[in-house]
């Protein structure tokens, strides 16, 4: 059995994990990682096998200390992403029925309108394209879709960021405390809206979740809240980070997509610098991945960034190709837990990226991008840009 000392917390790995993935891949597709007590995958084939094998499940275990972390645990215990069939099947079927009513294409004009409104408010000579454009857009869209008041939108992003920092490999106590506090506030806000929808239904997704039926089945109150929070988090978190990571990659390489390249460009953004780097599964029975036996109860992590740079699958994997037309990336996952919101995320990215470069073809850095400094959910805190070259721009 091959083992690895891959360091998730190394500043060099966080800054650029891809050379480290490549070095590990040369040694083997799967390796045991003693610090995290799980196997890691470094190839596209192995990561895909992990995500698609029904004997490798997403099994939630309450974080400890259980009493202290109950607000955080409740939100995860009751959502479809942390469950396997039959619970996952019931939750996803009900949520999908409600979510499908949003009709992604019906939302496209509204996304264009929001993008235009946000860009109209910035100083085009120097602005933070993350905080003033990429972040607010998907938050506003998913909040409108769910029926969350616009007044809560600034808090939604703060709550979401606090919660998702718990997904890093070894969060410190300050991160834990912030996540619990955010979970309490997020839950209270969504529960209040859901309660109101029981007696005063509105044309929104929270109303659909409250009313959803699948035969005799319906969502419990905790499941309604957890499902709404999941959709609010997942409905913008990945989109923001794909946008930021991809934009930085393009501007560093002086790449600008033409209008007819925007769709392939977005797929390349998802592939090139994965916003979610690690998905963990637990063996339900003894299984084998890429020739490596995995015993029941052992964990294995699919490293999506490593998979999406595998030269066995992608030609010139370390180059950003805006017109890449053979792009079987797994940036939205695969198998049973494939991202429910992928069509919405793709549409939002196509519209926001296309509009930005249409309006500002000379887009360039005005300062160095500021990384979030995290491995599992990879992204930028701030990316300052302007409409043309000038003093202080990043070379």
Protein backbone atom coordinates (compact mmCIF):
# COMPACT_ATOMS: atom_id res chain seq x y z
CA UNK A 1 0.00 0.00 0.00
CA UNK A 2 1.43 3.36 -1.04
CA UNK A 3 1.37 6.14 1.55
CA UNK A 4 1.72 9.90 1.14
CA UNK A 5 2.71 12.81 3.37
CA UNK A 6 0.71 15.29 1.25
CA UNK A 7 0.20 18.40 3.41
CA UNK A 8 -3.19 20.08 3.01
CA UNK A 9 -2.05 23.01 5.17
CA UNK A 10 1.26 23.75 3.45
CA UNK A 11 1.35 27.34 2.13
CA UNK A 12 2.96 26.05 -1.07
CA UNK A 13 0.17 23.52 -1.59
CA UNK A 14 -2.56 26.07 -0.86
CA UNK A 15 -0.94 28.56 -3.25
CA UNK A 16 -0.67 26.04 -6.09
CA UNK A 17 -1.60 22.40 -5.40
CA UNK A 18 -1.27 21.22 -8.99
CA UNK A 19 2.48 20.45 -9.19
CA UNK A 20 2.09 18.51 -5.94
CA UNK A 21 -0.85 16.55 -7.37
CA UNK A 22 1.19 15.75 -10.48
CA UNK A 23 4.14 14.47 -8.42
CA UNK A 24 1.82 12.22 -6.39
CA UNK A 25 0.05 10.96 -9.52
CA UNK A 26 3.39 9.84 -10.95
CA UNK A 27 3.80 7.60 -7.88
CA UNK A 28 0.31 6.09 -8.03
CA UNK A 29 -3.40 6.81 -8.37
CA UNK A 30 -4.29 6.14 -4.72
CA UNK A 31 -2.31 6.59 -1.50
CA UNK A 32 -2.93 6.25 2.23
CA UNK A 33 -2.76 9.56 4.13
CA UNK A 34 -2.05 8.82 7.77
CA UNK A 35 -2.64 12.35 9.17
CA UNK A 36 -6.27 12.32 8.00
CA UNK A 37 -6.71 8.55 8.30
CA UNK A 38 -8.03 8.20 4.76
CA UNK A 39 -7.01 7.32 1.23
CA UNK A 40 -6.48 10.05 -1.37
CA UNK A 41 -6.98 9.79 -5.13
CA UNK A 42 -4.74 11.57 -7.64
CA UNK A 43 -6.17 10.46 -11.00
CA UNK A 44 -9.35 11.18 -12.92
CA UNK A 45 -10.24 7.48 -13.08
CA UNK A 46 -9.79 6.91 -9.35
CA UNK A 47 -11.70 10.07 -8.34
CA UNK A 48 -14.54 9.21 -10.72
CA UNK A 49 -14.70 5.69 -9.31
CA UNK A 50 -14.98 7.07 -5.77
CA UNK A 51 -17.82 9.42 -6.72
CA UNK A 52 -19.74 6.82 -8.72
CA UNK A 53 -19.33 3.68 -6.61
CA UNK A 54 -22.55 3.13 -4.66
CA UNK A 55 -20.60 1.17 -2.04
CA UNK A 56 -18.73 4.36 -1.18
CA UNK A 57 -21.20 6.59 0.62
CA UNK A 58 -21.52 10.09 1.97
CA UNK A 59 -22.18 9.14 5.60
CA UNK A 60 -22.66 11.98 8.07
CA UNK A 61 -21.23 11.68 11.57
CA UNK A 62 -22.02 14.48 14.00
CA UNK A 63 -19.00 16.65 14.75
CA UNK A 64 -17.86 16.61 18.36
CA UNK A 65 -18.42 17.89 20.94
CA UNK A 66 -21.95 17.05 19.84
CA UNK A 67 -23.83 19.38 22.22
CA UNK A 68 -21.67 22.38 21.29
CA UNK A 69 -21.90 21.73 17.55
CA UNK A 70 -25.58 20.75 17.36
CA UNK A 71 -26.62 23.83 15.31
CA UNK A 72 -23.98 22.95 12.69
CA UNK A 73 -24.72 19.23 12.88
CA UNK A 74 -28.49 19.73 12.47
CA UNK A 75 -28.03 21.54 9.18
CA UNK A 76 -25.90 18.70 7.79
CA UNK A 77 -27.69 15.72 9.32
CA UNK A 78 -30.93 16.76 7.60
CA UNK A 79 -29.69 17.59 4.11
CA UNK A 80 -29.46 15.34 1.07
CA UNK A 81 -25.72 15.93 0.48
CA UNK A 82 -24.85 14.12 3.71
CA UNK A 83 -27.15 11.15 3.27
CA UNK A 84 -27.40 8.02 1.16
CA UNK A 85 -30.53 6.20 -0.10
CA UNK A 86 -33.23 5.85 0.99
CA UNK A 87 -32.96 9.17 2.90
CA UNK A 88 -31.06 10.86 0.06
CA UNK A 89 -33.58 9.62 -2.49
CA UNK A 90 -36.52 11.05 -0.54
CA UNK A 91 -34.87 14.40 0.16
CA UNK A 92 -33.48 14.89 -3.35
CA UNK A 93 -36.74 13.89 -5.03
CA UNK A 94 -38.71 16.41 -2.99
CA UNK A 95 -36.12 19.17 -3.36
CA UNK A 96 -35.72 18.48 -7.07
CA UNK A 97 -39.46 18.77 -7.63
CA UNK A 98 -39.45 22.16 -5.95
CA UNK A 99 -36.17 23.31 -7.50
CA UNK A 100 -37.27 22.36 -11.01
CA UNK A 101 -40.04 24.93 -10.80
CA UNK A 102 -37.37 27.63 -10.95
CA UNK A 103 -36.74 26.86 -14.62
CA UNK A 104 -33.15 27.93 -15.17
CA UNK A 105 -33.84 29.42 -18.59
CA UNK A 106 -36.67 31.51 -17.17
CA UNK A 107 -34.12 33.08 -14.80
CA UNK A 108 -31.61 33.99 -17.53
CA UNK A 109 -33.04 37.48 -18.28
CA UNK A 110 -33.08 38.26 -14.55
CA UNK A 111 -29.42 37.18 -14.22
CA UNK A 112 -28.51 39.47 -17.13
CA UNK A 113 -30.42 42.32 -15.49
CA UNK A 114 -28.65 41.79 -12.16
CA UNK A 115 -25.23 41.58 -13.83
CA UNK A 116 -25.83 44.84 -15.67
CA UNK A 117 -27.05 46.54 -12.51
CA UNK A 118 -24.05 45.44 -10.45
CA UNK A 119 -21.50 46.47 -13.08
CA UNK A 120 -23.23 49.84 -13.48
CA UNK A 121 -22.48 50.62 -9.83
CA UNK A 122 -18.70 50.02 -9.86
CA UNK A 123 -15.79 52.32 -10.63
CA UNK A 124 -14.55 50.63 -13.78
CA UNK A 125 -11.04 51.94 -13.26
CA UNK A 126 -10.62 49.97 -10.01
CA UNK A 127 -13.08 47.66 -8.21
CA UNK A 128 -13.22 44.33 -6.43
CA UNK A 129 -14.78 42.01 -8.99
CA UNK A 130 -15.42 39.38 -6.30
CA UNK A 131 -17.09 41.52 -3.66
CA UNK A 132 -18.91 43.88 -6.03
CA UNK A 133 -19.89 41.54 -8.87
CA UNK A 134 -19.20 37.80 -8.57
CA UNK A 135 -20.47 37.42 -4.99
CA UNK A 136 -23.67 39.47 -5.03
CA UNK A 137 -25.00 38.07 -8.31
CA UNK A 138 -25.57 34.39 -7.42
CA UNK A 139 -26.57 35.30 -3.85
CA UNK A 140 -29.28 37.60 -5.19
CA UNK A 141 -30.45 34.94 -7.66
CA UNK A 142 -30.71 32.08 -5.16
CA UNK A 143 -32.26 34.36 -2.52
CA UNK A 144 -34.94 35.47 -4.98
CA UNK A 145 -35.53 31.88 -6.03
CA UNK A 146 -35.97 30.72 -2.45
CA UNK A 147 -37.91 33.76 -1.30
CA UNK A 148 -35.37 35.17 1.15
CA UNK A 149 -35.68 38.96 1.65
CA UNK A 150 -33.06 41.07 -0.10
CA UNK A 151 -32.29 42.68 3.26
CA UNK A 152 -30.72 39.36 4.39
CA UNK A 153 -28.44 38.99 1.36
CA UNK A 154 -25.31 40.54 2.99
CA UNK A 155 -25.68 38.21 5.97
CA UNK A 156 -26.22 35.13 3.78
CA UNK A 157 -22.69 35.42 2.37
CA UNK A 158 -21.16 35.90 5.84
CA UNK A 159 -23.08 32.94 7.28
CA UNK A 160 -22.17 30.76 4.33
CA UNK A 161 -18.46 31.57 4.50
CA UNK A 162 -18.38 30.87 8.23
CA UNK A 163 -20.08 27.50 7.80
CA UNK A 164 -18.02 26.27 4.84
CA UNK A 165 -14.72 27.02 6.59
CA UNK A 166 -15.59 24.02 8.76
CA UNK A 167 -15.01 21.81 5.70
CA UNK A 168 -11.27 22.43 5.81
CA UNK A 169 -9.10 19.58 7.03
CA UNK A 170 -8.30 20.90 10.54
CA UNK A 171 -10.40 23.95 11.49
CA UNK A 172 -9.28 25.82 14.61
CA UNK A 173 -11.55 26.80 17.51
CA UNK A 174 -12.24 30.28 16.13
CA UNK A 175 -13.53 28.72 12.90
CA UNK A 176 -15.67 26.26 14.89
CA UNK A 177 -17.17 29.02 17.02
CA UNK A 178 -17.95 31.18 13.98
CA UNK A 179 -19.57 28.25 12.17
CA UNK A 180 -21.82 27.41 15.12
CA UNK A 181 -22.85 31.05 15.53
CA UNK A 182 -23.59 31.33 11.80
CA UNK A 183 -25.59 28.10 11.86
CA UNK A 184 -27.73 29.42 14.72
CA UNK A 185 -28.47 32.70 12.94
CA UNK A 186 -28.95 31.12 9.49
CA UNK A 187 -31.33 28.50 10.90
CA UNK A 188 -33.38 31.07 12.81
CA UNK A 189 -33.79 33.27 9.73
CA UNK A 190 -34.83 30.44 7.41
CA UNK A 191 -37.09 28.82 10.02
CA UNK A 192 -38.97 32.10 10.44
CA UNK A 193 -39.52 32.37 6.68
CA UNK A 194 -40.62 28.73 6.43
CA UNK A 195 -43.10 29.17 9.30
CA UNK A 196 -44.60 32.18 7.55
CA UNK A 197 -44.97 30.24 4.29
CA UNK A 198 -47.13 27.60 6.00
CA UNK A 199 -49.97 30.09 6.36
CA UNK A 200 -49.02 32.61 3.67
CA UNK A 201 -47.62 30.75 0.64
CA UNK A 202 -45.64 32.73 -1.94
CA UNK A 203 -44.36 31.93 -5.45
CA UNK A 204 -40.94 30.87 -4.16
CA UNK A 205 -38.87 27.77 -3.42
CA UNK A 206 -39.26 27.81 0.37
CA UNK A 207 -43.04 27.64 -0.14
CA UNK A 208 -42.47 24.70 -2.49
CA UNK A 209 -40.27 22.97 0.09
CA UNK A 210 -42.89 23.45 2.82
CA UNK A 211 -45.64 22.13 0.54
CA UNK A 212 -43.63 19.44 -1.28
CA UNK A 213 -45.14 15.98 -1.34
CA UNK A 214 -43.98 12.64 -2.71
CA UNK A 215 -46.94 10.39 -2.05
CA UNK A 216 -47.36 10.56 1.71
CA UNK A 217 -43.81 11.84 2.26
CA UNK A 218 -42.98 15.43 3.04
CA UNK A 219 -40.05 17.32 4.50
CA UNK A 220 -39.87 17.79 8.28
CA UNK A 221 -39.36 21.34 9.55
CA UNK A 222 -35.65 20.66 10.14
CA UNK A 223 -35.35 19.18 6.64
CA UNK A 224 -37.01 22.25 5.10
CA UNK A 225 -34.56 24.51 6.92
CA UNK A 226 -31.51 22.34 6.15
CA UNK A 227 -32.50 21.99 2.48
CA UNK A 228 -32.98 25.75 2.10
CA UNK A 229 -29.64 26.48 3.79
CA UNK A 230 -27.92 23.89 1.57
CA UNK A 231 -29.38 25.50 -1.55
CA UNK A 232 -28.46 28.99 -0.35
CA UNK A 233 -24.87 27.88 0.39
CA UNK A 234 -24.32 25.64 -2.61
CA UNK A 235 -26.31 28.01 -4.83
CA UNK A 236 -23.59 30.60 -4.74
CA UNK A 237 -20.44 29.34 -2.98
CA UNK A 238 -19.07 27.27 -5.86
CA UNK A 239 -20.18 29.81 -8.48
CA UNK A 240 -18.27 32.65 -6.80
CA UNK A 241 -15.09 30.60 -6.47
CA UNK A 242 -15.24 29.21 -10.01
CA UNK A 243 -15.61 32.78 -11.26
CA UNK A 244 -12.73 34.11 -9.18
CA UNK A 245 -10.34 31.23 -9.81
CA UNK A 246 -11.05 31.21 -13.52
CA UNK A 247 -10.83 34.97 -13.93
CA UNK A 248 -7.48 35.12 -12.14
CA UNK A 249 -6.16 32.31 -14.34
CA UNK A 250 -7.28 34.13 -17.49
CA UNK A 251 -5.95 37.55 -16.52
CA UNK A 252 -2.60 36.06 -15.43
CA UNK A 253 -2.31 34.57 -18.93
CA UNK A 254 -3.79 37.55 -20.78
CA UNK A 255 -6.68 35.40 -22.04
CA UNK A 256 -9.99 36.91 -23.16
CA UNK A 257 -12.86 34.70 -24.41
CA UNK A 258 -14.72 35.80 -27.51
CA UNK A 259 -18.52 35.79 -27.42
CA UNK A 260 -18.71 32.37 -29.07
CA UNK A 261 -16.16 30.91 -26.60
CA UNK A 262 -17.93 31.83 -23.35
CA UNK A 263 -19.64 28.45 -22.81
CA UNK A 264 -16.47 26.42 -23.36
CA UNK A 265 -14.56 29.00 -21.33
CA UNK A 266 -16.87 28.46 -18.35
CA UNK A 267 -16.32 24.69 -18.51
CA UNK A 268 -12.58 25.34 -18.56
CA UNK A 269 -12.92 27.62 -15.54
CA UNK A 270 -14.61 24.78 -13.66
CA UNK A 271 -11.87 22.33 -14.72
CA UNK A 272 -8.71 24.39 -14.49
CA UNK A 273 -8.74 25.50 -10.85
CA UNK A 274 -11.34 23.51 -8.92
CA UNK A 275 -13.41 25.50 -6.42
CA UNK A 276 -14.06 22.32 -4.40
CA UNK A 277 -10.91 20.25 -4.12
CA UNK A 278 -11.94 17.31 -1.93
CA UNK A 279 -15.02 15.10 -1.54
CA UNK A 280 -14.89 12.32 1.09
CA UNK A 281 -16.67 8.97 0.92
CA UNK A 282 -16.82 6.06 3.39
CA UNK A 283 -16.75 2.40 2.32
CA UNK A 284 -20.08 0.74 3.14
CA UNK A 285 -18.62 -2.66 2.21
CA UNK A 286 -15.14 -3.78 1.18
CA UNK A 287 -14.37 -2.21 -2.22
CA UNK A 288 -11.43 -1.63 -4.52
CA UNK A 289 -10.41 1.65 -6.19
CA UNK A 290 -7.69 1.68 -8.84
CA UNK A 291 -6.40 -1.63 -7.51
CA UNK A 292 -6.31 -0.44 -3.90
CA UNK A 293 -8.50 -2.41 -1.45
CA UNK A 294 -10.63 -0.17 0.79
CA UNK A 295 -12.05 -1.92 3.85
CA UNK A 296 -15.60 -1.27 5.07
CA UNK A 297 -15.56 1.79 7.32
CA UNK A 298 -12.43 3.31 5.79
CA UNK A 299 -12.62 6.72 4.15
CA UNK A 300 -11.33 7.80 0.75
CA UNK A 301 -11.20 11.32 -0.70
CA UNK A 302 -11.63 12.18 -4.36
CA UNK A 303 -9.27 15.08 -5.11
CA UNK A 304 -11.14 16.90 -7.87
CA UNK A 305 -8.34 19.31 -8.69
CA UNK A 306 -5.96 16.42 -9.27
CA UNK A 307 -8.55 14.59 -11.38
CA UNK A 308 -9.17 17.64 -13.57
CA UNK A 309 -5.46 18.02 -14.40
CA UNK A 310 -4.87 14.34 -15.25
CA UNK A 311 -2.88 14.15 -18.52
CA UNK A 312 -4.38 10.73 -19.22
CA UNK A 313 -7.71 12.50 -19.81
CA UNK A 314 -6.92 16.12 -20.70
CA UNK A 315 -4.58 17.25 -23.45
CA UNK A 316 -2.23 19.99 -22.20
CA UNK A 317 -3.88 19.79 -18.75
CA UNK A 318 -1.91 22.66 -17.20
CA UNK A 319 -2.93 25.13 -19.91
CA UNK A 320 -6.12 27.18 -19.81
CA UNK A 321 -7.80 26.63 -23.19
CA UNK A 322 -10.92 28.77 -23.65
CA UNK A 323 -12.08 26.67 -26.59
CA UNK A 324 -11.41 23.23 -25.05
CA UNK A 325 -14.21 21.11 -26.51
CA UNK A 326 -13.31 17.73 -24.97
CA UNK A 327 -13.68 18.53 -21.30
CA UNK A 328 -15.01 15.67 -19.13
CA UNK A 329 -14.16 17.44 -15.86
CA UNK A 330 -15.77 16.38 -12.60
CA UNK A 331 -15.91 19.86 -11.11
CA UNK A 332 -19.60 19.43 -10.24
CA UNK A 333 -19.04 15.94 -8.85
CA UNK A 334 -20.44 12.76 -10.39
CA UNK A 335 -22.81 9.94 -9.60
CA UNK A 336 -25.57 10.05 -7.02
CA UNK A 337 -24.42 13.35 -5.49
CA UNK A 338 -23.86 15.23 -8.76
CA UNK A 339 -24.54 18.91 -8.07
CA UNK A 340 -28.27 19.63 -8.28
CA UNK A 341 -27.57 23.29 -9.05
CA UNK A 342 -25.05 22.72 -11.86
CA UNK A 343 -27.39 24.02 -14.62
CA UNK A 344 -28.06 27.21 -12.64
CA UNK A 345 -24.37 27.70 -11.86
CA UNK A 346 -23.41 27.21 -15.50
CA UNK A 347 -26.03 29.70 -16.67
CA UNK A 348 -24.98 32.31 -14.09
CA UNK A 349 -21.32 31.92 -15.05
CA UNK A 350 -22.00 32.14 -18.79
CA UNK A 351 -24.03 35.30 -18.30
CA UNK A 352 -21.73 37.02 -15.78
CA UNK A 353 -18.45 36.13 -17.52
CA UNK A 354 -19.79 36.96 -20.97
CA UNK A 355 -21.22 40.30 -19.84
CA UNK A 356 -18.06 41.29 -17.96
CA UNK A 357 -15.73 40.75 -20.93
CA UNK A 358 -18.24 42.28 -23.35
CA UNK A 359 -18.35 45.44 -21.25
CA UNK A 360 -14.67 45.50 -20.27
CA UNK A 361 -12.55 43.79 -22.94
CA UNK A 362 -9.40 45.44 -21.55
CA UNK A 363 -9.95 44.03 -18.05
CA UNK A 364 -6.71 43.78 -16.05
CA UNK A 365 -5.50 43.52 -12.44
CA UNK A 366 -5.08 46.73 -10.44
CA UNK A 367 -3.64 44.85 -7.43
CA UNK A 368 -2.55 41.36 -6.52
CA UNK A 369 -5.50 38.99 -5.90
CA UNK A 370 -6.02 38.04 -2.24
CA UNK A 371 -6.50 34.30 -1.68
CA UNK A 372 -8.88 32.85 0.89
CA UNK A 373 -5.94 30.74 2.02
CA UNK A 374 -7.95 27.51 2.19
CA UNK A 375 -7.45 24.16 0.48
CA UNK A 376 -10.80 22.32 0.37
CA UNK A 377 -12.84 25.28 -0.88
CA UNK A 378 -10.39 27.19 -3.02
CA UNK A 379 -11.03 30.80 -3.92
CA UNK A 380 -10.21 34.49 -3.56
CA UNK A 381 -11.26 37.01 -0.95
CA UNK A 382 -10.64 39.91 -3.32
CA UNK A 383 -9.64 40.44 -6.95
CA UNK A 384 -9.23 44.10 -7.85
CA UNK A 385 -9.47 44.91 -11.54
CA UNK A 386 -9.91 47.83 -13.92
CA UNK A 387 -10.77 48.39 -17.55
CA UNK A 388 -7.28 49.01 -18.88
CA UNK A 389 -3.57 48.65 -18.26
CA UNK A 390 -1.94 51.05 -15.82
CA UNK A 391 0.39 51.55 -12.88
CA UNK A 392 0.59 48.74 -10.34
CA UNK A 393 -1.09 46.09 -12.46
CA UNK A 394 0.01 42.52 -11.93
CA UNK A 395 2.37 41.12 -14.55
